[in-house]
Amino acid sequence: VQADGTEGSCVTFVLHDEDHTLGNSLRYMVMKNPDVEFCGYCITHPSESKINFRIQTRGALPAVEPFRKGLNDLMGVCQHVLNTFEVRHSWGAQG
């Protein structure tokens, strides 16, 4: 959902089957971008498993760009944690 007159710089993404786990982690990653003026999310209702994730950028940067970068950065962090765990877990089993 794009706010009127923002040309894509203020967008609310609806993420289904997600909760605070993704919402807060992704918000943290997106807010690291200096071109992001606002980023927040809300759970629509406790009985619904979806979140509204809003991003507002400075200037003409489309909100979808920091959204995509935040998702990619978060996947990279998760992959690093998984790789570190697997290396340490396999080392512990052998040693």
Protein backbone atom coordinates (compact mmCIF):
# COMPACT_ATOMS: atom_id res chain seq x y z
CA VAL A 1 0.00 0.00 0.00
CA GLN A 2 1.56 3.26 -1.15
CA ALA A 3 0.72 6.57 0.48
CA ASP A 4 -0.78 9.13 -1.91
CA GLY A 5 1.66 11.61 -3.40
CA THR A 6 4.80 9.84 -2.16
CA GLU A 7 5.89 8.26 -5.46
CA GLY A 8 6.88 5.06 -3.65
CA SER A 9 8.89 6.62 -0.83
CA CYS A 10 6.25 5.72 1.79
CA VAL A 11 4.90 2.18 1.53
CA THR A 12 3.22 -0.32 3.87
CA PHE A 13 4.06 -3.93 3.08
CA VAL A 14 1.69 -6.64 4.35
CA LEU A 15 3.61 -9.76 5.38
CA HIS A 16 1.46 -12.84 5.89
CA ASP A 17 2.28 -15.69 8.29
CA GLU A 18 4.81 -13.53 10.15
CA ASP A 19 5.09 -12.06 13.64
CA HIS A 20 7.46 -10.10 15.88
CA THR A 21 10.37 -12.44 15.08
CA LEU A 22 10.68 -11.17 11.53
CA GLY A 23 9.13 -7.75 12.16
CA ASN A 24 11.57 -6.54 14.79
CA SER A 25 14.64 -8.08 13.14
CA LEU A 26 13.78 -6.61 9.76
CA ARG A 27 12.96 -3.22 11.27
CA TYR A 28 16.42 -3.16 12.86
CA MET A 29 18.13 -4.00 9.56
CA VAL A 30 16.13 -1.45 7.54
CA MET A 31 16.73 1.34 10.09
CA LYS A 32 20.50 0.94 9.61
CA ASN A 33 20.02 2.55 6.19
CA PRO A 34 20.64 6.34 6.50
CA ASP A 35 18.16 7.01 3.67
CA VAL A 36 15.28 5.60 5.75
CA GLU A 37 13.38 8.27 7.64
CA PHE A 38 10.88 5.91 9.35
CA CYS A 39 10.46 2.18 9.66
CA GLY A 40 7.99 0.39 11.90
CA TYR A 41 5.59 -2.49 12.00
CA CYS A 42 2.46 -3.56 13.79
CA ILE A 43 0.62 -6.79 14.33
CA THR A 44 -2.87 -6.26 12.95
CA HIS A 45 -4.58 -8.47 15.56
CA PRO A 46 -3.37 -11.28 17.88
CA SER A 47 -5.57 -13.81 16.09
CA GLU A 48 -4.12 -12.89 12.66
CA SER A 49 -0.64 -13.97 11.63
CA LYS A 50 0.33 -10.96 9.55
CA ILE A 51 2.17 -7.72 10.08
CA ASN A 52 1.97 -4.31 8.45
CA PHE A 53 5.52 -3.16 7.79
CA ARG A 54 5.91 0.53 6.88
CA ILE A 55 8.94 2.25 5.40
CA GLN A 56 9.34 5.93 4.60
CA THR A 57 12.49 7.09 2.85
CA ARG A 58 14.15 10.46 2.39
CA GLY A 59 14.16 11.96 -1.08
CA ALA A 60 13.21 9.95 -4.14
CA LEU A 61 14.46 6.55 -2.98
CA PRO A 62 11.65 3.98 -3.45
CA ALA A 63 10.79 2.24 -0.16
CA VAL A 64 11.05 -1.16 -1.82
CA GLU A 65 14.84 -0.76 -2.13
CA PRO A 66 15.66 -0.58 1.61
CA PHE A 67 12.99 -3.26 2.18
CA ARG A 68 14.76 -5.60 -0.24
CA LYS A 69 18.20 -4.70 1.16
CA GLY A 70 16.99 -5.27 4.72
CA LEU A 71 15.68 -8.72 3.81
CA ASN A 72 18.94 -9.63 2.06
CA ASP A 73 21.05 -8.32 4.96
CA LEU A 74 18.93 -10.25 7.45
CA MET A 75 19.31 -13.44 5.40
CA GLY A 76 23.07 -12.87 5.40
CA VAL A 77 23.17 -12.50 9.19
CA CYS A 78 21.05 -15.64 9.63
CA GLN A 79 23.31 -17.58 7.25
CA HIS A 80 26.39 -16.44 9.18
CA VAL A 81 24.85 -17.59 12.47
CA LEU A 82 23.89 -20.95 10.94
CA ASN A 83 27.37 -21.46 9.47
CA THR A 84 29.03 -20.55 12.78
CA PHE A 85 26.76 -22.94 14.67
CA GLU A 86 27.41 -25.78 12.21
CA VAL A 87 31.19 -25.29 12.34
CA ARG A 88 31.25 -25.23 16.14
CA HIS A 89 28.76 -28.08 16.45
CA SER A 90 30.72 -30.34 14.05
CA TRP A 91 33.99 -29.45 15.79
CA GLY A 92 32.51 -30.32 19.19
CA ALA A 93 31.27 -33.69 17.93
CA GLN A 94 34.72 -34.62 16.62
CA GLY A 95 36.75 -33.22 19.45
